[in-house]
Amino acid sequence: MKVLLVLCAALAGARSSRYCPELMIDSCHCTSERSKEFNRQSVRVKVVCDDADLTETMQPSALPNTTVSLILSNNKISALKNNSFLGLRALERLDLSGNLISRIAPGAFHGLTDLRRLDLSNNRIGCFSADMFLDLGRLSKLNLSGNIFSTLPEGLFTHVPSLRALHMGTDYLFCDCQLRWLLSWIRSHAVRVGNESVCVYPTRLHGLELRSLQENQLTCDGPLELPVLQLIPTQRQLVFRGDRLPLQCTASYLDSSIKLSWSHEHRPIHTLEDRGLYVEESIIHDCCLITSELILSNIDAGVSGNWQCHVTSSRGNSSIGMEIVVLETTALYCAAERVSSNKGDFRWPKTLAGFMAFLPCAVSSSSSAPQEKRAWRRCDRMGRWAEDDYNQCSYASQFTRSLHELTQMSVNVSSGLTLAQQLSSLTSRAALFGDMMDVIFVTHLVERLTRLVDHVRELGDHVLDVASNMMAVEEHVLWMAQDEARACTRIVQCVERIADLALNANTTVISKVSANIALEALVLRPAALMGLLCTVVQRPPLLPPVADGGHSGAGSDRNTLLDFRCHTVNVSGSPMGQLSQNTVAIASIHFPLAAPRAVENSTCKLQLIVFRNGKLFPCTGNSSNLADDGKRRSVSTPVAFTKLDGCSPGSPVQPVTVALRHFSLGVDPTAAYWDFDLLDGHGGWRAEGCHITGSAHNTTTIHCAHHNNLAVLMDLKKVLSFPPYPGEFLHPVVYACTAVMLLCLFASIITYIVHHR
C-alpha cells in the first residue's frame, strides 16, 4: 500500500514538473487545459498556488510562458511590484483574491496583453490609479470587491477599453459627486456592475445599487459623512499632574482636501514645546485613512477641559471630542481596568469617585449602523468599581447570538418543528460551545420543545438529537452551566419526559437512536414473562457519516449510533455474558419481571435510556450523601436509566441488574444512582441500594434495588499509580513503562560494575 502511495505521488509530481519544471513550491500544482481552438498545438497550462503561504508573487521565469491561468488566491502577498508578471504573454486569467495587497505599483501588470479576467477581491487596497492597469487592453472582467476604498478616481479605466463586467462592492463606498464620472462611463460602455456594488454613504443613498442611481443623486452638497471618524481615547480621561497622555484622531481619507487639526476649549492647538504639547505630522494609511497624533506631556491643571479633533474638506467639516480632568494626587478614583466577558472586551478608563463611566458595546448588531447601545459601570464614593450593566450589548460570539435569537422566537405547534431542526443543526458542532450561556439557551429551548412533543411527535427525535449533541460539549462548559441554572439536569429530565410521552401514544414499542443516546419504551405483560434482557450496541448509521470538519467534541462517536436489542430470557439471564459475547455492546440490562402477585393481563410500562457518557451528570458540590465520599470520583461507564410503571398495585419494586463497559480506566469503583434532589436541585450520585456484583476485563456488573440513572464511578486520576489493593484497574501502559524502567536500571547497574572492577 505504501509503495502504491509513493508511486502515485511520484506520478503526480512528474505530471506537475512536466508542465512547470522550474516551479519548486510544494503547495502549487500545474495542469493542462484543453484548447478551444482546434488548430492550436501548444499546451495551455493552469498553475494553482491557492493557500500556499506566499508572501510575494513568483518569478515569471519559474512559470511556463504557455500559462493561461494563474491562481494565487488566499496567500499573504502584500504588494505588486512593477513587471510582476512580465513574460507571461499567454496569461488570460489572474486570481489574486484573499491576499493582503495594499499597494499596486504602476505597470504591475505590464506585458499581460492577453489577460481577460483579473480578480483583486478581498485585499487591503485603498486607492487605485489608471497606470496600475497598463497593458490590460483585452481585460473584460475585473473584481475589486471586498477592498477598503471609498471612491474611484476619474479616468481609472482608461487602459481597459474592453472591460464589460465590474465588481466593486465595499463596506466604505461613498456615492457622491466624485462618482458621477463612473456612472456615466458604466452606461456609455455598457459595463455590467455586480449586485454587491451598493452605496454605503451618504445615509440617504445607503443600500442602493450604484447602477440604479441617476447622476443628479450624486451630489457633494450635504453634510460631511465619514465612514471612519475616531478619537482615542474615546471617553473622559482622568489624569494626574505630570502624567503623559497621547491623543490619536483617525478619519476616512476621501480625497486630498481632507485635513486634520486640534483645538482646546475652541482655541487652535499647535506644537508648543514649553507647554508640553506636540502635534505630529498627519499620516495617510493605504490611501483610505488619515491619522493625526497629539501628545500631552507633563500635564498640569491648564490641560483640563474639552479637546477636539477637526476634519476639514472640500465637502464640509466635522469634529469629534473628549474631556480631560486633571486630578490632585489625593483625589479618589477607580483605576483603569480591562474586563473581558461574553459581551466583549471592555477597557474601562479611570473614573472619579461617585461618577459613572460609559463604553459603546463591543459588538454591533449592524456593522453599517452607528453604535448607539452602551454598557455602564459606576465608581462608588470610596473609589471602588461597583454596579455595572452590559445588558444592552450583544453577545460577542456569533454562535451564542444565534442561540439567543432562537430563544426570542415564539414556540408553538406550527413553529416548533422548524425551531427544533434549527437547534439540532446548530448544536451538532460541539466545538462552537464556549460559554455557559450556550448551554443555558439550549436548555430553555429543549424544555419549551418538550412541552409540544405530545402534539408534534417528530419533535421527540430532534430533542433527542439535541441532547445527544450536548453530550459532545466540553465538560467545563457543562459544569459552568450546571452551577448557573442546573441546565444538564433539566436536559436529562426532558429526555425522560420524551420516554413518558412515547408510551402515551398507545404504541407497544418505541425505539429511538442517536450518536450518544438510545431510548426504548415498551408495554409489557409481567405475568407472561420470566425476564427481559436488553443490550445497547453500537452500529454504523444507514448512510455514510458526513464529515463535520472536526467540530464534534471528544464525547461523541459520530461514526456509530446507539441502539437497543431486547429479548425475553429466564430469571438467570446474564447481562455480563452479553457484553463479553458482543464486542460492540456497551451496556446490558436485565429485569426479572415475574412477580408473585402479578395480576393476570396486567401491563407495565418500561422505559430504558442509555447515555454514552456521564457529561450530562456533572457533580458540582459536596454532600455527606454523595456516593464518592468526597473522593470526587467520575463516571467511567455509560449511564443506564430504567423506569417501570403501571404494574399491579402492591407489587414489590423490581430490582435491576446492569452490566456496563468502561470507556475510562480507574480505581476504587462504586455503583451509584443519580439523585436529582441533591445539592439544592443540582443533582448528585448516591450509592444506597446499589452494589457491584462482578468485574471482568473492562466490564462491571451492578445490582440496584430501585430504578434510576445508574452508573459506575471511579477515581480516574490514579489510573497510572500502583493499586493499593487487588481488584483495581491498572492501564497496560503502566506495566510497559515499568518494564522499560527496570531494564534501564539493570543496564546502568551492569555498566557501573564493569567500569569499577
Foldseek 3Di string as FASTA:
>chain_A
DVVVVVVVVVVQVVQQCVQQVLDDQPQKGKDWDDDPDPPDDDTEMAIANELRQDQAQDQLVRHDLNYAHYHHAQYAHAEQDACSNASNQNHAYYAHYNYAHLYYDQNSVPNPLNHAEYEHAQYAAAAAAQSSCANPQNHAEYEHYNYRYQAYAPPNCVNHLNHAEYEYAYLRHAQALRCLNVLVVCVVSNHHYDPNQAHLDDPVRHPHHPNPDDSVVHHLADADDWQDWDKPPQEEAEAEAQDKDKIKIKTWQNDPFKDKFKDFPPHGDDDDVVQQWHKDDWDQDSNTMIMIMIMRGRDDQVRFGKMKMKIDGPSYIDMGIYTYGYDYPPFAWADWDWDQDQQGIDTRHIGGAPDKDKDFGPDDPDPSDDTDDIKMWHQHNRHYTDDIDPPRGAGPQPLLNVLVVLLPDDDDPVCLVVSLVVLLVSLQQQQSDDALSNLVSLLVSLVSSLVCCLVPVVSLQSLVSNLLSVQQHDLVSLLVNLVVPLSLVSSVVSNVSNLVSVVVVVDAWDWHKDQFKTKIKHKFQLQVAQKKKKWKFWDADPDAFDDPPPRGHPRTDSGTMITIDMDTDHPPDDFVVVCVVDVRTFKMKMWRRHFPPFDPPFIKMKMKMKGQFCSSADDNDDDCQAAVNPPRWGFFWIKMFIDIDRTDPPTAATKMKMKGFGPAFAFDKAKWFWDCPPPPRSIHTGHPQKGWDDDDDRMTMMIGSHGGTITMTHHRVCQLPDDPDPDGHHDVVNVVVVVVVVVVVVVVVVVVVVVPD
